Each structure stands twice: as structure tokens, then as C-alpha cells.
Amino acid sequence: MSARGPKKALSAFMSVPHQTALWSAQSGDLRCTALRLCDGSLCLYSPVAGLGDAARDSLAALGDVSVLFAPNHYHNKALVEYRAAFPGAQLMCSARARPRLEKQTGLSFCDPDLQPLLSEGFGVSEPEGLKTGEVWLECNASAGPIWVVCDAFRGPTGPLGHVGAELGLLGTFPKFGIQDRATYRAWVNAKLASGAPSMVVPCHGAVVEAQDLAETIAGLLA
């Protein structure tokens, strides 16, 4: 579950397929996602270590970074690096993730009062039944909702920019991420009933786009 620092620099940020307000950059199988906020600035969801020229230059072309979002208490290895790079950005996480994040990084975080900053069609939610304080982002797209998740799911391994069709579980997530399986399963199933995703943008592995993600996710939960 730990987001260990990669050995190579983060790639440039590239548009998530079919989207105009979501971008992502990779280093190996680790992904950082950038989201356009309603004021035109950017939120970086799960900063990934190795912020080199390619990532910096692509971000500068997109806008100012105003929020650094730690999506759970394990994804903390790059936060000090990004805090130095974007000293004016606000550090956000869930209340549940904050104690371990502050202990591990020495930084101060606030609860995710991100919703008022989001553009129309975007949302933020914290799945129930987890113990890591994981937070997801959601985007209403024409083909169906897009879920931006941390450790709950993973995409396949592939080259930079690869879009896969097979969603899986991060191997360590059931043990280290889930506290109450029944509660978590019920929460995700309710989320699926309200609008199953057409795309999942995970922190681990490729973006996944498929028409049968509801069935896939229900199967993974079972």
C-alpha cells in the first residue's frame, strides 16, 4: 500500500482520455492526477515523488497549483517535496488520514473541504468501512462517471499513457485498507447503484475504461 518514491522522474501531465479538466502523470506504475478547480487553479491528487522539469513545465502550462491532496495516510512520500515546490498550496486530507500523515511528514493538513472548490460536475467522497482515510474524486462525464481512486483498485501495467480494460484490486488493500468489509461493500454497491463508472483513474497502474466496470467492481468486492 505504501507509495514508495520512484527512482525516475515523473512524466509530463497528459490529458485523461476524453476529459478537459483532468490530467495525470506517471512514474512507473504510480500516478498523480491533476484536477482543474472552479477558480482555474489545480489540485494535485496523490503527489508522486520525482517532480522534474517535464512535470513542472506541464503543470506551469496548465495553471497554478493551489491544493495538494493526500488521498490516504499511506501516500505521503512526496508531500514534503511538493510542499517545497508549491509553498502556497493548501495541504488537504481526510480527518482519519491526518494523524499518520502529520506524524510521517511533519506537515500540517486540513480536512478535505474541497467540494466548494470543485467545478460543476465534480465531487469528493470518503468511502465507509476503510481505515486509511481514503478519499475519492468523481467526475460526471458524458459516457458515465469517472472515479479517481487511491488504493482501492489498480489498473494493469502498461506504457506511459496506456488505457487498459481490466480493473483489479491492489494486493495489499484488503488487509491494510479495509476495516469493515460489509460496510465498505455496502457503500461501494450503493455508489454503483447511483451511477456506475465508465472509467477509473487509479493511483496504481493504467487508467481503466470499460463498459462493464459495475460488474467488475461488484465481483472484486465479493
C-alpha atoms as a PDB file:
ATOM      1  CA  MET A   1       0.000   0.000   0.000  1.00  0.00           C
ATOM      2  CA  SER A   2       2.926   2.334   0.564  1.00  0.00           C
ATOM      3  CA  ALA A   3       3.527   4.836  -2.222  1.00  0.00           C
ATOM      4  CA  ARG A   4       7.283   4.382  -2.323  1.00  0.00           C
ATOM      5  CA  GLY A   5       9.308   7.025  -4.084  1.00  0.00           C
ATOM      6  CA  PRO A   6      10.123   6.098  -7.675  1.00  0.00           C
ATOM      7  CA  LYS A   7      13.672   6.061  -8.998  1.00  0.00           C
ATOM      8  CA  LYS A   8      12.912   8.127 -12.088  1.00  0.00           C
ATOM      9  CA  ALA A   9      11.315  11.493 -12.679  1.00  0.00           C
ATOM     10  CA  LEU A  10       7.594  11.940 -13.042  1.00  0.00           C
ATOM     11  CA  SER A  11       6.362  12.265 -16.625  1.00  0.00           C
ATOM     12  CA  ALA A  12       4.664  15.350 -18.031  1.00  0.00           C
ATOM     13  CA  PHE A  13       0.979  15.693 -17.195  1.00  0.00           C
ATOM     14  CA  MET A  14      -1.227  14.470 -20.042  1.00  0.00           C
ATOM     15  CA  SER A  15      -4.994  14.717 -20.500  1.00  0.00           C
ATOM     16  CA  VAL A  16      -7.071  11.868 -19.164  1.00  0.00           C
ATOM     17  CA  PRO A  17      -8.889  10.458 -22.236  1.00  0.00           C
ATOM     18  CA  HIS A  18     -11.957  12.469 -23.305  1.00  0.00           C
ATOM     19  CA  GLN A  19     -11.506  14.965 -20.434  1.00  0.00           C
ATOM     20  CA  THR A  20     -10.688  18.664 -20.411  1.00  0.00           C
ATOM     21  CA  ALA A  21     -10.259  19.169 -16.650  1.00  0.00           C
ATOM     22  CA  LEU A  22      -8.303  16.042 -15.645  1.00  0.00           C
ATOM     23  CA  TRP A  23      -4.650  15.256 -16.332  1.00  0.00           C
ATOM     24  CA  SER A  24      -2.290  12.625 -14.997  1.00  0.00           C
ATOM     25  CA  ALA A  25       1.426  11.954 -14.816  1.00  0.00           C
ATOM     26  CA  GLN A  26       3.229   8.705 -14.079  1.00  0.00           C
ATOM     27  CA  SER A  27       6.437   7.326 -12.699  1.00  0.00           C
ATOM     28  CA  GLY A  28       6.448   3.595 -13.204  1.00  0.00           C
ATOM     29  CA  ASP A  29       3.066   2.326 -12.019  1.00  0.00           C
ATOM     30  CA  LEU A  30       2.443   5.313  -9.725  1.00  0.00           C
ATOM     31  CA  ARG A  31       0.102   8.085 -10.886  1.00  0.00           C
ATOM     32  CA  CYS A  32      -0.556  11.675  -9.819  1.00  0.00           C
ATOM     33  CA  THR A  33      -3.812  13.203 -11.074  1.00  0.00           C
ATOM     34  CA  ALA A  34      -4.356  16.942 -11.620  1.00  0.00           C
ATOM     35  CA  LEU A  35      -7.854  18.402 -11.416  1.00  0.00           C
ATOM     36  CA  ARG A  36      -8.972  21.839 -12.618  1.00  0.00           C
ATOM     37  CA  LEU A  37     -10.736  23.710  -9.811  1.00  0.00           C
ATOM     38  CA  CYS A  38     -13.504  26.254 -10.289  1.00  0.00           C
ATOM     39  CA  ASP A  39     -11.108  29.209  -9.987  1.00  0.00           C
ATOM     40  CA  GLY A  40      -8.848  27.805 -12.720  1.00  0.00           C
ATOM     41  CA  SER A  41      -6.130  26.568 -10.385  1.00  0.00           C
ATOM     42  CA  LEU A  42      -5.122  22.925  -9.922  1.00  0.00           C
ATOM     43  CA  CYS A  43      -5.489  20.262  -7.264  1.00  0.00           C
ATOM     44  CA  LEU A  44      -2.853  17.511  -7.322  1.00  0.00           C
ATOM     45  CA  TYR A  45      -4.321  14.238  -6.068  1.00  0.00           C
ATOM     46  CA  SER A  46      -1.641  11.891  -4.682  1.00  0.00           C
ATOM     47  CA  PRO A  47       1.640  13.689  -5.463  1.00  0.00           C
ATOM     48  CA  VAL A  48       4.289  11.260  -6.735  1.00  0.00           C
ATOM     49  CA  ALA A  49       7.978  11.716  -5.949  1.00  0.00           C
ATOM     50  CA  GLY A  50      10.336  12.811  -8.701  1.00  0.00           C
ATOM     51  CA  LEU A  51       8.970  16.233  -9.656  1.00  0.00           C
ATOM     52  CA  GLY A  52      11.344  17.005 -12.520  1.00  0.00           C
ATOM     53  CA  ASP A  53      11.288  19.519 -15.368  1.00  0.00           C
ATOM     54  CA  ALA A  54       8.770  17.624 -17.500  1.00  0.00           C
ATOM     55  CA  ALA A  55       6.141  17.555 -14.765  1.00  0.00           C
ATOM     56  CA  ARG A  56       6.857  21.095 -13.587  1.00  0.00           C
ATOM     57  CA  ASP A  57       6.729  22.594 -17.079  1.00  0.00           C
ATOM     58  CA  SER A  58       3.488  20.817 -17.966  1.00  0.00           C
ATOM     59  CA  LEU A  59       1.871  21.988 -14.727  1.00  0.00           C
ATOM     60  CA  ALA A  60       3.030  25.556 -15.312  1.00  0.00           C
ATOM     61  CA  ALA A  61       1.293  25.477 -18.693  1.00  0.00           C
ATOM     62  CA  LEU A  62      -1.950  24.328 -17.046  1.00  0.00           C
ATOM     63  CA  GLY A  63      -2.105  26.789 -14.154  1.00  0.00           C
ATOM     64  CA  ASP A  64      -1.162  27.387 -10.542  1.00  0.00           C
ATOM     65  CA  VAL A  65      -1.215  24.503  -8.065  1.00  0.00           C
ATOM     66  CA  SER A  66      -3.400  25.565  -5.133  1.00  0.00           C
ATOM     67  CA  VAL A  67      -4.182  22.220  -3.431  1.00  0.00           C
ATOM     68  CA  LEU A  68      -2.036  19.194  -2.611  1.00  0.00           C
ATOM     69  CA  PHE A  69      -4.360  16.331  -1.730  1.00  0.00           C
ATOM     70  CA  ALA A  70      -3.135  13.251   0.143  1.00  0.00           C
ATOM     71  CA  PRO A  71      -5.758  10.612  -0.746  1.00  0.00           C
ATOM     72  CA  ASN A  72      -4.981   8.333   2.212  1.00  0.00           C
ATOM     73  CA  HIS A  73      -2.463   8.084   5.031  1.00  0.00           C
ATOM     74  CA  TYR A  74      -0.052   5.842   3.097  1.00  0.00           C
ATOM     75  CA  HIS A  75       0.501   8.174   0.127  1.00  0.00           C
ATOM     76  CA  ASN A  76       2.856  10.587   1.852  1.00  0.00           C
ATOM     77  CA  LYS A  77       6.385  10.054   0.488  1.00  0.00           C
ATOM     78  CA  ALA A  78       6.314  13.031  -1.929  1.00  0.00           C
ATOM     79  CA  LEU A  79       4.442  15.602   0.136  1.00  0.00           C
ATOM     80  CA  VAL A  80       7.480  17.385   1.573  1.00  0.00           C
ATOM     81  CA  GLU A  81       8.955  17.660  -1.935  1.00  0.00           C
ATOM     82  CA  TYR A  82       5.723  19.134  -3.348  1.00  0.00           C
ATOM     83  CA  ARG A  83       5.243  21.450  -0.393  1.00  0.00           C
ATOM     84  CA  ALA A  84       8.643  22.966  -1.167  1.00  0.00           C
ATOM     85  CA  ALA A  85       7.789  23.235  -4.865  1.00  0.00           C
ATOM     86  CA  PHE A  86       4.346  24.794  -4.263  1.00  0.00           C
ATOM     87  CA  PRO A  87       4.625  26.651  -0.942  1.00  0.00           C
ATOM     88  CA  GLY A  88       1.343  28.488  -1.452  1.00  0.00           C
ATOM     89  CA  ALA A  89      -0.702  25.318  -1.942  1.00  0.00           C
ATOM     90  CA  GLN A  90      -3.082  24.096   0.742  1.00  0.00           C
ATOM     91  CA  LEU A  91      -2.475  20.600   2.115  1.00  0.00           C
ATOM     92  CA  MET A  92      -5.659  18.532   2.383  1.00  0.00           C
ATOM     93  CA  CYS A  93      -6.567  15.056   3.589  1.00  0.00           C
ATOM     94  CA  SER A  94      -9.367  13.346   5.455  1.00  0.00           C
ATOM     95  CA  ALA A  95      -9.645  13.682   9.220  1.00  0.00           C
ATOM     96  CA  ARG A  96      -8.928   9.964   9.531  1.00  0.00           C
ATOM     97  CA  ALA A  97      -5.728  10.181   7.498  1.00  0.00           C
ATOM     98  CA  ARG A  98      -4.403  13.324   9.172  1.00  0.00           C
ATOM     99  CA  PRO A  99      -2.721  11.889  12.325  1.00  0.00           C
ATOM    100  CA  ARG A 100      -0.433   9.485  10.465  1.00  0.00           C
ATOM    101  CA  LEU A 101       0.229  11.971   7.661  1.00  0.00           C
ATOM    102  CA  GLU A 102       1.310  14.678  10.077  1.00  0.00           C
ATOM    103  CA  LYS A 103       3.455  12.215  12.034  1.00  0.00           C
ATOM    104  CA  GLN A 104       5.153  10.884   8.893  1.00  0.00           C
ATOM    105  CA  THR A 105       5.720  14.230   7.153  1.00  0.00           C
ATOM    106  CA  GLY A 106       5.875  16.888   9.868  1.00  0.00           C
ATOM    107  CA  LEU A 107       3.396  18.927   7.805  1.00  0.00           C
ATOM    108  CA  SER A 108       0.022  20.349   8.814  1.00  0.00           C
ATOM    109  CA  PHE A 109      -3.144  19.293   6.966  1.00  0.00           C
ATOM    110  CA  CYS A 110      -6.759  20.386   6.905  1.00  0.00           C
ATOM    111  CA  ASP A 111      -9.888  18.295   6.363  1.00  0.00           C
ATOM    112  CA  PRO A 112     -10.954  17.953   2.710  1.00  0.00           C
ATOM    113  CA  ASP A 113     -13.180  20.993   2.332  1.00  0.00           C
ATOM    114  CA  LEU A 114     -12.598  20.512  -1.356  1.00  0.00           C
ATOM    115  CA  GLN A 115     -16.183  20.422  -2.607  1.00  0.00           C
ATOM    116  CA  PRO A 116     -16.668  24.237  -2.654  1.00  0.00           C
ATOM    117  CA  LEU A 117     -13.516  24.487  -4.804  1.00  0.00           C
ATOM    118  CA  LEU A 118     -14.634  21.944  -7.390  1.00  0.00           C
ATOM    119  CA  SER A 119     -16.076  22.787 -10.782  1.00  0.00           C
ATOM    120  CA  GLU A 120     -19.633  21.774 -11.650  1.00  0.00           C
ATOM    121  CA  GLY A 121     -19.918  18.045 -12.214  1.00  0.00           C
ATOM    122  CA  PHE A 122     -17.115  17.104  -9.798  1.00  0.00           C
ATOM    123  CA  GLY A 123     -17.463  15.621  -6.341  1.00  0.00           C
ATOM    124  CA  VAL A 124     -15.468  14.219  -3.444  1.00  0.00           C
ATOM    125  CA  SER A 125     -16.354  11.308  -1.173  1.00  0.00           C
ATOM    126  CA  GLU A 126     -14.804   9.205   1.579  1.00  0.00           C
ATOM    127  CA  PRO A 127     -15.690   5.505   1.357  1.00  0.00           C
ATOM    128  CA  GLU A 128     -17.069   3.991   4.540  1.00  0.00           C
ATOM    129  CA  GLY A 129     -15.501   0.947   6.162  1.00  0.00           C
ATOM    130  CA  LEU A 130     -11.858   1.823   5.468  1.00  0.00           C
ATOM    131  CA  LYS A 131      -9.066   2.515   7.954  1.00  0.00           C
ATOM    132  CA  THR A 132      -6.710   4.641   5.829  1.00  0.00           C
ATOM    133  CA  GLY A 133      -8.881   7.728   5.396  1.00  0.00           C
ATOM    134  CA  GLU A 134      -9.031   7.174   1.639  1.00  0.00           C
ATOM    135  CA  VAL A 135     -10.853   9.838  -0.376  1.00  0.00           C
ATOM    136  CA  TRP A 136     -12.111   9.523  -3.963  1.00  0.00           C
ATOM    137  CA  LEU A 137     -12.813  12.178  -6.562  1.00  0.00           C
ATOM    138  CA  GLU A 138     -15.684  11.843  -9.029  1.00  0.00           C
ATOM    139  CA  CYS A 139     -16.385  13.477 -12.383  1.00  0.00           C
ATOM    140  CA  ASN A 140     -19.648  13.348 -14.306  1.00  0.00           C
ATOM    141  CA  ALA A 141     -18.756  12.589 -17.917  1.00  0.00           C
ATOM    142  CA  SER A 142     -20.963  12.005 -20.955  1.00  0.00           C
ATOM    143  CA  ALA A 143     -20.084   8.292 -21.081  1.00  0.00           C
ATOM    144  CA  GLY A 144     -20.634   7.852 -17.352  1.00  0.00           C
ATOM    145  CA  PRO A 145     -18.979   8.862 -14.071  1.00  0.00           C
ATOM    146  CA  ILE A 146     -15.217   8.792 -13.671  1.00  0.00           C
ATOM    147  CA  TRP A 147     -13.780   7.654 -10.340  1.00  0.00           C
ATOM    148  CA  VAL A 148     -10.333   8.858  -9.266  1.00  0.00           C
ATOM    149  CA  VAL A 149      -9.238   6.418  -6.558  1.00  0.00           C
ATOM    150  CA  CYS A 150      -6.169   5.741  -4.489  1.00  0.00           C
ATOM    151  CA  ASP A 151      -5.501   2.160  -3.324  1.00  0.00           C
ATOM    152  CA  ALA A 152      -8.991   0.658  -3.653  1.00  0.00           C
ATOM    153  CA  PHE A 153      -8.375  -0.527  -7.222  1.00  0.00           C
ATOM    154  CA  ARG A 154      -5.477  -0.785  -9.626  1.00  0.00           C
ATOM    155  CA  GLY A 155      -5.069  -0.760 -13.378  1.00  0.00           C
ATOM    156  CA  PRO A 156      -2.894  -3.047 -15.494  1.00  0.00           C
ATOM    157  CA  THR A 157       0.778  -2.390 -16.095  1.00  0.00           C
ATOM    158  CA  GLY A 158       1.455  -0.669 -19.397  1.00  0.00           C
ATOM    159  CA  PRO A 159       3.473   2.022 -21.173  1.00  0.00           C
ATOM    160  CA  LEU A 160       3.040   5.706 -20.429  1.00  0.00           C
ATOM    161  CA  GLY A 161      -0.460   6.830 -21.341  1.00  0.00           C
ATOM    162  CA  HIS A 162      -1.801   3.285 -21.716  1.00  0.00           C
ATOM    163  CA  VAL A 163      -5.546   2.859 -21.152  1.00  0.00           C
ATOM    164  CA  GLY A 164      -6.497  -0.634 -20.038  1.00  0.00           C
ATOM    165  CA  ALA A 165      -9.773  -2.514 -19.837  1.00  0.00           C
ATOM    166  CA  GLU A 166      -9.152  -4.749 -16.813  1.00  0.00           C
ATOM    167  CA  LEU A 167      -9.577  -3.377 -13.299  1.00  0.00           C
ATOM    168  CA  GLY A 168      -8.114  -5.250 -10.337  1.00  0.00           C
ATOM    169  CA  LEU A 169      -7.528  -4.993  -6.617  1.00  0.00           C
ATOM    170  CA  LEU A 170      -4.262  -3.696  -5.215  1.00  0.00           C
ATOM    171  CA  GLY A 171      -2.980  -6.823  -3.486  1.00  0.00           C
ATOM    172  CA  THR A 172      -2.402  -5.244  -0.082  1.00  0.00           C
ATOM    173  CA  PHE A 173      -5.667  -3.279   0.015  1.00  0.00           C
ATOM    174  CA  PRO A 174      -7.971  -5.860   1.630  1.00  0.00           C
ATOM    175  CA  LYS A 175      -5.580  -6.351   4.564  1.00  0.00           C
ATOM    176  CA  PHE A 176      -4.243  -2.838   5.060  1.00  0.00           C
ATOM    177  CA  GLY A 177      -7.069  -0.707   3.679  1.00  0.00           C
ATOM    178  CA  ILE A 178     -10.327  -2.286   4.775  1.00  0.00           C
ATOM    179  CA  GLN A 179     -11.561  -2.166   8.347  1.00  0.00           C
ATOM    180  CA  ASP A 180     -15.158  -3.373   7.929  1.00  0.00           C
ATOM    181  CA  ARG A 181     -15.708  -5.343   4.719  1.00  0.00           C
ATOM    182  CA  ALA A 182     -19.502  -5.427   4.942  1.00  0.00           C
ATOM    183  CA  THR A 183     -19.722  -1.667   5.446  1.00  0.00           C
ATOM    184  CA  TYR A 184     -17.289  -0.954   2.621  1.00  0.00           C
ATOM    185  CA  ARG A 185     -19.056  -3.358   0.255  1.00  0.00           C
ATOM    186  CA  ALA A 186     -22.438  -1.787   1.008  1.00  0.00           C
ATOM    187  CA  TRP A 187     -21.070   1.727   0.460  1.00  0.00           C
ATOM    188  CA  VAL A 188     -19.498   0.886  -2.910  1.00  0.00           C
ATOM    189  CA  ASN A 189     -22.570  -1.019  -4.070  1.00  0.00           C
ATOM    190  CA  ALA A 190     -24.726   1.996  -3.229  1.00  0.00           C
ATOM    191  CA  LYS A 191     -22.317   4.161  -5.217  1.00  0.00           C
ATOM    192  CA  LEU A 192     -22.593   1.784  -8.172  1.00  0.00           C
ATOM    193  CA  ALA A 193     -26.382   1.887  -7.980  1.00  0.00           C
ATOM    194  CA  SER A 194     -26.364   5.667  -8.186  1.00  0.00           C
ATOM    195  CA  GLY A 195     -24.095   5.677 -11.241  1.00  0.00           C
ATOM    196  CA  ALA A 196     -21.541   3.074 -12.246  1.00  0.00           C
ATOM    197  CA  PRO A 197     -18.252   4.465 -13.585  1.00  0.00           C
ATOM    198  CA  SER A 198     -17.212   4.270 -17.208  1.00  0.00           C
ATOM    199  CA  MET A 199     -13.598   4.968 -16.230  1.00  0.00           C
ATOM    200  CA  VAL A 200     -11.411   4.536 -13.146  1.00  0.00           C
ATOM    201  CA  VAL A 201      -8.247   6.607 -12.710  1.00  0.00           C
ATOM    202  CA  PRO A 202      -6.200   4.778 -10.054  1.00  0.00           C
ATOM    203  CA  CYS A 203      -3.004   5.798  -8.307  1.00  0.00           C
ATOM    204  CA  HIS A 204      -1.522   2.407  -9.242  1.00  0.00           C
ATOM    205  CA  GLY A 205      -1.400   1.193 -12.842  1.00  0.00           C
ATOM    206  CA  ALA A 206      -3.061   2.355 -16.034  1.00  0.00           C
ATOM    207  CA  VAL A 207      -6.316   4.234 -16.411  1.00  0.00           C
ATOM    208  CA  VAL A 208      -9.122   1.714 -16.968  1.00  0.00           C
ATOM    209  CA  GLU A 209     -12.018   2.373 -19.345  1.00  0.00           C
ATOM    210  CA  ALA A 210     -14.719  -0.262 -19.935  1.00  0.00           C
ATOM    211  CA  GLN A 211     -18.476  -0.644 -20.210  1.00  0.00           C
ATOM    212  CA  ASP A 212     -18.706  -3.451 -17.658  1.00  0.00           C
ATOM    213  CA  LEU A 213     -16.955  -1.774 -14.730  1.00  0.00           C
ATOM    214  CA  ALA A 214     -20.033  -2.123 -12.499  1.00  0.00           C
ATOM    215  CA  GLU A 215     -19.931  -5.907 -12.849  1.00  0.00           C
ATOM    216  CA  THR A 216     -16.170  -5.965 -12.442  1.00  0.00           C
ATOM    217  CA  ILE A 217     -16.224  -3.877  -9.278  1.00  0.00           C
ATOM    218  CA  ALA A 218     -19.085  -5.899  -7.784  1.00  0.00           C
ATOM    219  CA  GLY A 219     -17.091  -9.051  -8.468  1.00  0.00           C
ATOM    220  CA  LEU A 220     -13.965  -7.651  -6.844  1.00  0.00           C
ATOM    221  CA  LEU A 221     -15.961  -6.684  -3.759  1.00  0.00           C
ATOM    222  CA  ALA A 222     -17.346 -10.202  -3.498  1.00  0.00           C
END
